[in-house]
Amino acid sequence: MDALFAGGRVIDLILGLMVLEILALAALYFLRGKGIPPTRLLPNLLAGAFLMLALRASLTNAGATAMGGWLLLGLVCHLVDLRLRWPRKRRLF
């Protein structure tokens, strides 16, 4: 179990599950017309994936530059996700 964490393999498994998740949700949306459009889910899932990659960089001693890069990409995706979810301003008149 320690080797799974030390080598970052656990992160690879989690990322694989995230890919399966987006594929399943996209299939549900396109085949059954239920759920959230994949384009609306993608920024959120990418933000999580980039956080996982930053954790993997930390577990494998990849360095601060790699961790910072993944975290920066996660921040960008998080901000895109917030923008998509933020309610539009309503005009009073």
PDB file of N, CA and C in Angstrom:
ATOM      1  N   MET A   1       0.823  -1.194   0.000  1.00  0.00           N
ATOM      2  CA  MET A   1       0.000   0.000   0.000  1.00  0.00           C
ATOM      3  C   MET A   1       0.868   1.260   0.000  1.00  0.00           C
ATOM      4  N   ASP A   2       1.988   1.218   0.724  1.00  0.00           N
ATOM      5  CA  ASP A   2       2.889   2.374   0.745  1.00  0.00           C
ATOM      6  C   ASP A   2       3.447   2.666  -0.642  1.00  0.00           C
ATOM      7  N   ALA A   3       3.760   1.620  -1.401  1.00  0.00           N
ATOM      8  CA  ALA A   3       4.301   1.802  -2.751  1.00  0.00           C
ATOM      9  C   ALA A   3       3.272   2.462  -3.670  1.00  0.00           C
ATOM     10  N   LEU A   4       2.003   2.159  -3.436  1.00  0.00           N
ATOM     11  CA  LEU A   4       0.938   2.745  -4.243  1.00  0.00           C
ATOM     12  C   LEU A   4       0.916   4.264  -4.086  1.00  0.00           C
ATOM     13  N   PHE A   5       1.156   4.735  -2.859  1.00  0.00           N
ATOM     14  CA  PHE A   5       1.173   6.171  -2.602  1.00  0.00           C
ATOM     15  C   PHE A   5       2.517   6.790  -2.955  1.00  0.00           C
ATOM     16  N   ALA A   6       3.605   6.124  -2.610  1.00  0.00           N
ATOM     17  CA  ALA A   6       4.936   6.683  -2.812  1.00  0.00           C
ATOM     18  C   ALA A   6       5.234   6.928  -4.294  1.00  0.00           C
ATOM     19  N   GLY A   7       4.801   6.029  -5.149  1.00  0.00           N
ATOM     20  CA  GLY A   7       5.061   6.188  -6.573  1.00  0.00           C
ATOM     21  C   GLY A   7       4.019   7.012  -7.298  1.00  0.00           C
ATOM     22  N   GLY A   8       2.979   7.433  -6.594  1.00  0.00           N
ATOM     23  CA  GLY A   8       1.939   8.229  -7.224  1.00  0.00           C
ATOM     24  C   GLY A   8       0.932   7.408  -8.016  1.00  0.00           C
ATOM     25  N   ARG A   9       1.023   6.085  -7.917  1.00  0.00           N
ATOM     26  CA  ARG A   9       0.104   5.227  -8.678  1.00  0.00           C
ATOM     27  C   ARG A   9      -1.343   5.399  -8.238  1.00  0.00           C
ATOM     28  N   VAL A  10      -1.555   5.722  -6.996  1.00  0.00           N
ATOM     29  CA  VAL A  10      -2.922   5.919  -6.512  1.00  0.00           C
ATOM     30  C   VAL A  10      -3.578   7.081  -7.260  1.00  0.00           C
ATOM     31  N   ILE A  11      -2.790   8.091  -7.596  1.00  0.00           N
ATOM     32  CA  ILE A  11      -3.320   9.233  -8.340  1.00  0.00           C
ATOM     33  C   ILE A  11      -3.686   8.808  -9.757  1.00  0.00           C
ATOM     34  N   ASP A  12      -2.868   7.950 -10.349  1.00  0.00           N
ATOM     35  CA  ASP A  12      -3.186   7.427 -11.683  1.00  0.00           C
ATOM     36  C   ASP A  12      -4.517   6.682 -11.669  1.00  0.00           C
ATOM     37  N   LEU A  13      -4.752   5.908 -10.623  1.00  0.00           N
ATOM     38  CA  LEU A  13      -6.017   5.179 -10.499  1.00  0.00           C
ATOM     39  C   LEU A  13      -7.198   6.150 -10.360  1.00  0.00           C
ATOM     40  N   ILE A  14      -7.018   7.172  -9.544  1.00  0.00           N
ATOM     41  CA  ILE A  14      -8.084   8.166  -9.354  1.00  0.00           C
ATOM     42  C   ILE A  14      -8.377   8.894 -10.660  1.00  0.00           C
ATOM     43  N   LEU A  15      -7.327   9.268 -11.389  1.00  0.00           N
ATOM     44  CA  LEU A  15      -7.529   9.948 -12.676  1.00  0.00           C
ATOM     45  C   LEU A  15      -8.249   9.031 -13.670  1.00  0.00           C
ATOM     46  N   GLY A  16      -7.919   7.759 -13.648  1.00  0.00           N
ATOM     47  CA  GLY A  16      -8.627   6.793 -14.507  1.00  0.00           C
ATOM     48  C   GLY A  16     -10.107   6.728 -14.168  1.00  0.00           C
ATOM     49  N   LEU A  17     -10.414   6.742 -12.886  1.00  0.00           N
ATOM     50  CA  LEU A  17     -11.818   6.743 -12.468  1.00  0.00           C
ATOM     51  C   LEU A  17     -12.522   8.030 -12.882  1.00  0.00           C
ATOM     52  N   MET A  18     -11.802   9.133 -12.853  1.00  0.00           N
ATOM     53  CA  MET A  18     -12.393  10.405 -13.287  1.00  0.00           C
ATOM     54  C   MET A  18     -12.707  10.379 -14.782  1.00  0.00           C
ATOM     55  N   VAL A  19     -11.850   9.753 -15.569  1.00  0.00           N
ATOM     56  CA  VAL A  19     -12.119   9.619 -17.011  1.00  0.00           C
ATOM     57  C   VAL A  19     -13.365   8.770 -17.220  1.00  0.00           C
ATOM     58  N   LEU A  20     -13.475   7.673 -16.469  1.00  0.00           N
ATOM     59  CA  LEU A  20     -14.680   6.837 -16.570  1.00  0.00           C
ATOM     60  C   LEU A  20     -15.925   7.613 -16.161  1.00  0.00           C
ATOM     61  N   GLU A  21     -15.786   8.461 -15.158  1.00  0.00           N
ATOM     62  CA  GLU A  21     -16.912   9.268 -14.700  1.00  0.00           C
ATOM     63  C   GLU A  21     -17.412  10.210 -15.791  1.00  0.00           C
ATOM     64  N   ILE A  22     -16.514  10.934 -16.440  1.00  0.00           N
ATOM     65  CA  ILE A  22     -16.948  11.875 -17.474  1.00  0.00           C
ATOM     66  C   ILE A  22     -17.526  11.128 -18.670  1.00  0.00           C
ATOM     67  N   LEU A  23     -16.963   9.967 -18.995  1.00  0.00           N
ATOM     68  CA  LEU A  23     -17.514   9.178 -20.099  1.00  0.00           C
ATOM     69  C   LEU A  23     -18.918   8.681 -19.773  1.00  0.00           C
ATOM     70  N   ALA A  24     -19.116   8.219 -18.548  1.00  0.00           N
ATOM     71  CA  ALA A  24     -20.443   7.733 -18.138  1.00  0.00           C
ATOM     72  C   ALA A  24     -21.457   8.871 -18.113  1.00  0.00           C
ATOM     73  N   LEU A  25     -21.056  10.024 -17.583  1.00  0.00           N
ATOM     74  CA  LEU A  25     -21.981  11.157 -17.527  1.00  0.00           C
ATOM     75  C   LEU A  25     -22.295  11.696 -18.917  1.00  0.00           C
ATOM     76  N   ALA A  26     -21.301  11.702 -19.795  1.00  0.00           N
ATOM     77  CA  ALA A  26     -21.540  12.153 -21.174  1.00  0.00           C
ATOM     78  C   ALA A  26     -22.474  11.182 -21.894  1.00  0.00           C
ATOM     79  N   ALA A  27     -22.273   9.889 -21.699  1.00  0.00           N
ATOM     80  CA  ALA A  27     -23.148   8.888 -22.320  1.00  0.00           C
ATOM     81  C   ALA A  27     -24.582   9.046 -21.813  1.00  0.00           C
ATOM     82  N   LEU A  28     -24.739   9.251 -20.517  1.00  0.00           N
ATOM     83  CA  LEU A  28     -26.070   9.450 -19.943  1.00  0.00           C
ATOM     84  C   LEU A  28     -26.736  10.685 -20.546  1.00  0.00           C
ATOM     85  N   TYR A  29     -25.958  11.728 -20.716  1.00  0.00           N
ATOM     86  CA  TYR A  29     -26.519  12.971 -21.264  1.00  0.00           C
ATOM     87  C   TYR A  29     -26.901  12.811 -22.731  1.00  0.00           C
ATOM     88  N   PHE A  30     -26.017  12.231 -23.541  1.00  0.00           N
ATOM     89  CA  PHE A  30     -26.267  12.148 -24.974  1.00  0.00           C
ATOM     90  C   PHE A  30     -27.246  11.031 -25.347  1.00  0.00           C
ATOM     91  N   LEU A  31     -27.236   9.951 -24.612  1.00  0.00           N
ATOM     92  CA  LEU A  31     -28.118   8.827 -24.954  1.00  0.00           C
ATOM     93  C   LEU A  31     -29.505   8.947 -24.341  1.00  0.00           C
ATOM     94  N   ARG A  32     -29.585   9.485 -23.140  1.00  0.00           N
ATOM     95  CA  ARG A  32     -30.874   9.563 -22.449  1.00  0.00           C
ATOM     96  C   ARG A  32     -31.399  10.978 -22.288  1.00  0.00           C
ATOM     97  N   GLY A  33     -30.567  11.966 -22.562  1.00  0.00           N
ATOM     98  CA  GLY A  33     -30.996  13.354 -22.401  1.00  0.00           C
ATOM     99  C   GLY A  33     -31.123  13.782 -20.958  1.00  0.00           C
ATOM    100  N   LYS A  34     -30.445  13.082 -20.046  1.00  0.00           N
ATOM    101  CA  LYS A  34     -30.523  13.399 -18.621  1.00  0.00           C
ATOM    102  C   LYS A  34     -29.164  13.856 -18.125  1.00  0.00           C
ATOM    103  N   GLY A  35     -29.193  14.707 -17.100  1.00  0.00           N
ATOM    104  CA  GLY A  35     -27.952  15.134 -16.483  1.00  0.00           C
ATOM    105  C   GLY A  35     -27.506  16.508 -16.943  1.00  0.00           C
ATOM    106  N   ILE A  36     -26.249  16.760 -16.707  1.00  0.00           N
ATOM    107  CA  ILE A  36     -25.640  18.056 -17.005  1.00  0.00           C
ATOM    108  C   ILE A  36     -24.826  17.928 -18.280  1.00  0.00           C
ATOM    109  N   PRO A  37     -24.879  18.917 -19.164  1.00  0.00           N
ATOM    110  CA  PRO A  37     -24.056  18.839 -20.378  1.00  0.00           C
ATOM    111  C   PRO A  37     -22.570  18.684 -20.019  1.00  0.00           C
ATOM    112  N   PRO A  38     -21.867  17.809 -20.716  1.00  0.00           N
ATOM    113  CA  PRO A  38     -20.448  17.575 -20.405  1.00  0.00           C
ATOM    114  C   PRO A  38     -19.598  18.841 -20.455  1.00  0.00           C
ATOM    115  N   THR A  39     -19.948  19.786 -21.317  1.00  0.00           N
ATOM    116  CA  THR A  39     -19.170  21.016 -21.385  1.00  0.00           C
ATOM    117  C   THR A  39     -19.273  21.822 -20.093  1.00  0.00           C
ATOM    118  N   ARG A  40     -20.363  21.642 -19.352  1.00  0.00           N
ATOM    119  CA  ARG A  40     -20.523  22.328 -18.070  1.00  0.00           C
ATOM    120  C   ARG A  40     -19.787  21.589 -16.959  1.00  0.00           C
ATOM    121  N   LEU A  41     -19.604  20.271 -17.116  1.00  0.00           N
ATOM    122  CA  LEU A  41     -18.902  19.469 -16.109  1.00  0.00           C
ATOM    123  C   LEU A  41     -17.391  19.520 -16.266  1.00  0.00           C
ATOM    124  N   LEU A  42     -16.938  19.705 -17.479  1.00  0.00           N
ATOM    125  CA  LEU A  42     -15.515  19.588 -17.776  1.00  0.00           C
ATOM    126  C   LEU A  42     -14.620  20.520 -16.954  1.00  0.00           C
ATOM    127  N   PRO A  43     -14.940  21.808 -16.793  1.00  0.00           N
ATOM    128  CA  PRO A  43     -14.049  22.657 -15.989  1.00  0.00           C
ATOM    129  C   PRO A  43     -13.903  22.167 -14.550  1.00  0.00           C
ATOM    130  N   ASN A  44     -14.987  21.687 -13.969  1.00  0.00           N
ATOM    131  CA  ASN A  44     -14.943  21.191 -12.606  1.00  0.00           C
ATOM    132  C   ASN A  44     -14.078  19.940 -12.506  1.00  0.00           C
ATOM    133  N   LEU A  45     -14.280  19.016 -13.424  1.00  0.00           N
ATOM    134  CA  LEU A  45     -13.489  17.788 -13.407  1.00  0.00           C
ATOM    135  C   LEU A  45     -12.022  18.053 -13.724  1.00  0.00           C
ATOM    136  N   LEU A  46     -11.760  18.982 -14.621  1.00  0.00           N
ATOM    137  CA  LEU A  46     -10.364  19.327 -14.928  1.00  0.00           C
ATOM    138  C   LEU A  46      -9.680  19.981 -13.729  1.00  0.00           C
ATOM    139  N   ALA A  47     -10.399  20.828 -13.005  1.00  0.00           N
ATOM    140  CA  ALA A  47      -9.816  21.443 -11.808  1.00  0.00           C
ATOM    141  C   ALA A  47      -9.423  20.362 -10.809  1.00  0.00           C
ATOM    142  N   GLY A  48     -10.298  19.388 -10.615  1.00  0.00           N
ATOM    143  CA  GLY A  48      -9.982  18.277  -9.719  1.00  0.00           C
ATOM    144  C   GLY A  48      -8.816  17.441 -10.223  1.00  0.00           C
ATOM    145  N   ALA A  49      -8.782  17.211 -11.523  1.00  0.00           N
ATOM    146  CA  ALA A  49      -7.687  16.424 -12.101  1.00  0.00           C
ATOM    147  C   ALA A  49      -6.356  17.139 -11.924  1.00  0.00           C
ATOM    148  N   PHE A  50      -6.342  18.454 -12.113  1.00  0.00           N
ATOM    149  CA  PHE A  50      -5.098  19.201 -11.940  1.00  0.00           C
ATOM    150  C   PHE A  50      -4.646  19.200 -10.481  1.00  0.00           C
ATOM    151  N   LEU A  51      -5.589  19.223  -9.551  1.00  0.00           N
ATOM    152  CA  LEU A  51      -5.220  19.098  -8.137  1.00  0.00           C
ATOM    153  C   LEU A  51      -4.614  17.723  -7.861  1.00  0.00           C
ATOM    154  N   MET A  52      -5.181  16.697  -8.480  1.00  0.00           N
ATOM    155  CA  MET A  52      -4.626  15.350  -8.329  1.00  0.00           C
ATOM    156  C   MET A  52      -3.212  15.275  -8.904  1.00  0.00           C
ATOM    157  N   LEU A  53      -2.991  15.929 -10.026  1.00  0.00           N
ATOM    158  CA  LEU A  53      -1.655  15.926 -10.626  1.00  0.00           C
ATOM    159  C   LEU A  53      -0.657  16.706  -9.771  1.00  0.00           C
ATOM    160  N   ALA A  54      -1.109  17.759  -9.106  1.00  0.00           N
ATOM    161  CA  ALA A  54      -0.231  18.481  -8.174  1.00  0.00           C
ATOM    162  C   ALA A  54       0.135  17.584  -7.002  1.00  0.00           C
ATOM    163  N   LEU A  55      -0.835  16.825  -6.509  1.00  0.00           N
ATOM    164  CA  LEU A  55      -0.559  15.872  -5.432  1.00  0.00           C
ATOM    165  C   LEU A  55       0.415  14.798  -5.892  1.00  0.00           C
ATOM    166  N   ARG A  56       0.228  14.317  -7.113  1.00  0.00           N
ATOM    167  CA  ARG A  56       1.147  13.309  -7.661  1.00  0.00           C
ATOM    168  C   ARG A  56       2.563  13.871  -7.777  1.00  0.00           C
ATOM    169  N   ALA A  57       2.671  15.134  -8.206  1.00  0.00           N
ATOM    170  CA  ALA A  57       3.985  15.775  -8.294  1.00  0.00           C
ATOM    171  C   ALA A  57       4.631  15.854  -6.918  1.00  0.00           C
ATOM    172  N   SER A  58       3.830  16.120  -5.910  1.00  0.00           N
ATOM    173  CA  SER A  58       4.351  16.179  -4.552  1.00  0.00           C
ATOM    174  C   SER A  58       4.798  14.800  -4.065  1.00  0.00           C
ATOM    175  N   LEU A  59       3.984  13.788  -4.330  1.00  0.00           N
ATOM    176  CA  LEU A  59       4.312  12.428  -3.890  1.00  0.00           C
ATOM    177  C   LEU A  59       5.565  11.876  -4.564  1.00  0.00           C
ATOM    178  N   THR A  60       5.824  12.328  -5.775  1.00  0.00           N
ATOM    179  CA  THR A  60       6.967  11.808  -6.530  1.00  0.00           C
ATOM    180  C   THR A  60       8.162  12.764  -6.506  1.00  0.00           C
ATOM    181  N   ASN A  61       8.095  13.792  -5.650  1.00  0.00           N
ATOM    182  CA  ASN A  61       9.176  14.774  -5.528  1.00  0.00           C
ATOM    183  C   ASN A  61       9.539  15.411  -6.871  1.00  0.00           C
ATOM    184  N   ALA A  62       8.514  15.792  -7.630  1.00  0.00           N
ATOM    185  CA  ALA A  62       8.725  16.370  -8.954  1.00  0.00           C
ATOM    186  C   ALA A  62       9.226  17.816  -8.890  1.00  0.00           C
ATOM    187  N   GLY A  63       9.082  18.452  -7.755  1.00  0.00           N
ATOM    188  CA  GLY A  63       9.566  19.825  -7.622  1.00  0.00           C
ATOM    189  C   GLY A  63       8.450  20.842  -7.524  1.00  0.00           C
ATOM    190  N   ALA A  64       8.836  22.001  -7.023  1.00  0.00           N
ATOM    191  CA  ALA A  64       7.864  23.070  -6.792  1.00  0.00           C
ATOM    192  C   ALA A  64       7.308  23.637  -8.090  1.00  0.00           C
ATOM    193  N   THR A  65       8.103  23.669  -9.139  1.00  0.00           N
ATOM    194  CA  THR A  65       7.630  24.223 -10.407  1.00  0.00           C
ATOM    195  C   THR A  65       6.503  23.373 -10.978  1.00  0.00           C
ATOM    196  N   ALA A  66       6.671  22.064 -10.928  1.00  0.00           N
ATOM    197  CA  ALA A  66       5.622  21.167 -11.426  1.00  0.00           C
ATOM    198  C   ALA A  66       4.356  21.300 -10.590  1.00  0.00           C
ATOM    199  N   MET A  67       4.503  21.303  -9.269  1.00  0.00           N
ATOM    200  CA  MET A  67       3.330  21.445  -8.404  1.00  0.00           C
ATOM    201  C   MET A  67       2.634  22.779  -8.644  1.00  0.00           C
ATOM    202  N   GLY A  68       3.427  23.847  -8.734  1.00  0.00           N
ATOM    203  CA  GLY A  68       2.847  25.168  -8.969  1.00  0.00           C
ATOM    204  C   GLY A  68       2.136  25.261 -10.301  1.00  0.00           C
ATOM    205  N   GLY A  69       2.686  24.632 -11.321  1.00  0.00           N
ATOM    206  CA  GLY A  69       2.048  24.635 -12.645  1.00  0.00           C
ATOM    207  C   GLY A  69       0.702  23.936 -12.624  1.00  0.00           C
ATOM    208  N   TRP A  70       0.657  22.751 -11.981  1.00  0.00           N
ATOM    209  CA  TRP A  70      -0.615  22.028 -11.891  1.00  0.00           C
ATOM    210  C   TRP A  70      -1.631  22.812 -11.070  1.00  0.00           C
ATOM    211  N   LEU A  71      -1.167  23.433  -9.983  1.00  0.00           N
ATOM    212  CA  LEU A  71      -2.084  24.221  -9.161  1.00  0.00           C
ATOM    213  C   LEU A  71      -2.608  25.440  -9.911  1.00  0.00           C
ATOM    214  N   LEU A  72      -1.758  26.069 -10.709  1.00  0.00           N
ATOM    215  CA  LEU A  72      -2.192  27.213 -11.508  1.00  0.00           C
ATOM    216  C   LEU A  72      -3.248  26.795 -12.534  1.00  0.00           C
ATOM    217  N   LEU A  73      -3.023  25.672 -13.194  1.00  0.00           N
ATOM    218  CA  LEU A  73      -4.030  25.173 -14.145  1.00  0.00           C
ATOM    219  C   LEU A  73      -5.339  24.838 -13.430  1.00  0.00           C
ATOM    220  N   GLY A  74      -5.234  24.274 -12.219  1.00  0.00           N
ATOM    221  CA  GLY A  74      -6.430  23.990 -11.431  1.00  0.00           C
ATOM    222  C   GLY A  74      -7.192  25.254 -11.088  1.00  0.00           C
ATOM    223  N   LEU A  75      -6.465  26.313 -10.755  1.00  0.00           N
ATOM    224  CA  LEU A  75      -7.093  27.597 -10.444  1.00  0.00           C
ATOM    225  C   LEU A  75      -7.826  28.153 -11.656  1.00  0.00           C
ATOM    226  N   VAL A  76      -7.198  28.093 -12.812  1.00  0.00           N
ATOM    227  CA  VAL A  76      -7.839  28.603 -14.036  1.00  0.00           C
ATOM    228  C   VAL A  76      -9.137  27.850 -14.299  1.00  0.00           C
ATOM    229  N   CYS A  77      -9.099  26.530 -14.205  1.00  0.00           N
ATOM    230  CA  CYS A  77     -10.315  25.728 -14.436  1.00  0.00           C
ATOM    231  C   CYS A  77     -11.374  26.025 -13.381  1.00  0.00           C
ATOM    232  N   HIS A  78     -10.942  26.224 -12.143  1.00  0.00           N
ATOM    233  CA  HIS A  78     -11.882  26.552 -11.072  1.00  0.00           C
ATOM    234  C   HIS A  78     -12.575  27.892 -11.352  1.00  0.00           C
ATOM    235  N   LEU A  79     -11.815  28.871 -11.815  1.00  0.00           N
ATOM    236  CA  LEU A  79     -12.406  30.171 -12.131  1.00  0.00           C
ATOM    237  C   LEU A  79     -13.372  30.089 -13.313  1.00  0.00           C
ATOM    238  N   VAL A  80     -13.033  29.267 -14.305  1.00  0.00           N
ATOM    239  CA  VAL A  80     -13.951  29.059 -15.436  1.00  0.00           C
ATOM    240  C   VAL A  80     -15.236  28.408 -14.934  1.00  0.00           C
ATOM    241  N   ASP A  81     -15.096  27.424 -14.059  1.00  0.00           N
ATOM    242  CA  ASP A  81     -16.269  26.754 -13.500  1.00  0.00           C
ATOM    243  C   ASP A  81     -17.140  27.731 -12.718  1.00  0.00           C
ATOM    244  N   LEU A  82     -16.523  28.581 -11.915  1.00  0.00           N
ATOM    245  CA  LEU A  82     -17.287  29.589 -11.173  1.00  0.00           C
ATOM    246  C   LEU A  82     -18.019  30.535 -12.111  1.00  0.00           C
ATOM    247  N   ARG A  83     -17.353  30.945 -13.170  1.00  0.00           N
ATOM    248  CA  ARG A  83     -17.979  31.859 -14.134  1.00  0.00           C
ATOM    249  C   ARG A  83     -19.198  31.213 -14.791  1.00  0.00           C
ATOM    250  N   LEU A  84     -19.091  29.940 -15.102  1.00  0.00           N
ATOM    251  CA  LEU A  84     -20.224  29.241 -15.715  1.00  0.00           C
ATOM    252  C   LEU A  84     -21.401  29.099 -14.755  1.00  0.00           C
ATOM    253  N   ARG A  85     -21.116  28.979 -13.474  1.00  0.00           N
ATOM    254  CA  ARG A  85     -22.176  28.782 -12.475  1.00  0.00           C
ATOM    255  C   ARG A  85     -22.751  30.094 -11.937  1.00  0.00           C
ATOM    256  N   TRP A  86     -22.003  31.171 -12.056  1.00  0.00           N
ATOM    257  CA  TRP A  86     -22.426  32.443 -11.473  1.00  0.00           C
ATOM    258  C   TRP A  86     -23.700  32.931 -12.139  1.00  0.00           C
ATOM    259  N   PRO A  87     -24.683  33.321 -11.337  1.00  0.00           N
ATOM    260  CA  PRO A  87     -25.938  33.797 -11.940  1.00  0.00           C
ATOM    261  C   PRO A  87     -25.713  35.081 -12.756  1.00  0.00           C
ATOM    262  N   ARG A  88     -26.423  35.170 -13.829  1.00  0.00           N
ATOM    263  CA  ARG A  88     -26.347  36.364 -14.667  1.00  0.00           C
ATOM    264  C   ARG A  88     -27.047  37.512 -13.973  1.00  0.00           C
ATOM    265  N   LYS A  89     -26.548  38.713 -14.198  1.00  0.00           N
ATOM    266  CA  LYS A  89     -27.161  39.880 -13.595  1.00  0.00           C
ATOM    267  C   LYS A  89     -28.492  40.146 -14.271  1.00  0.00           C
ATOM    268  N   ARG A  90     -29.495  40.313 -13.446  1.00  0.00           N
ATOM    269  CA  ARG A  90     -30.832  40.613 -13.976  1.00  0.00           C
ATOM    270  C   ARG A  90     -31.041  42.120 -14.026  1.00  0.00           C
ATOM    271  N   ARG A  91     -31.636  42.533 -15.097  1.00  0.00           N
ATOM    272  CA  ARG A  91     -31.961  43.955 -15.240  1.00  0.00           C
ATOM    273  C   ARG A  91     -33.287  44.228 -14.539  1.00  0.00           C
ATOM    274  N   LEU A  92     -33.321  45.295 -13.804  1.00  0.00           N
ATOM    275  CA  LEU A  92     -34.553  45.643 -13.088  1.00  0.00           C
ATOM    276  C   LEU A  92     -35.564  46.310 -14.010  1.00  0.00           C
ATOM    277  N   PHE A  93     -35.110  47.035 -15.028  1.00  0.00           N
ATOM    278  CA  PHE A  93     -36.012  47.732 -15.924  1.00  0.00           C
ATOM    279  C   PHE A  93     -35.765  47.339 -17.357  1.00  0.00           C
TER     280      PHE A  93
END
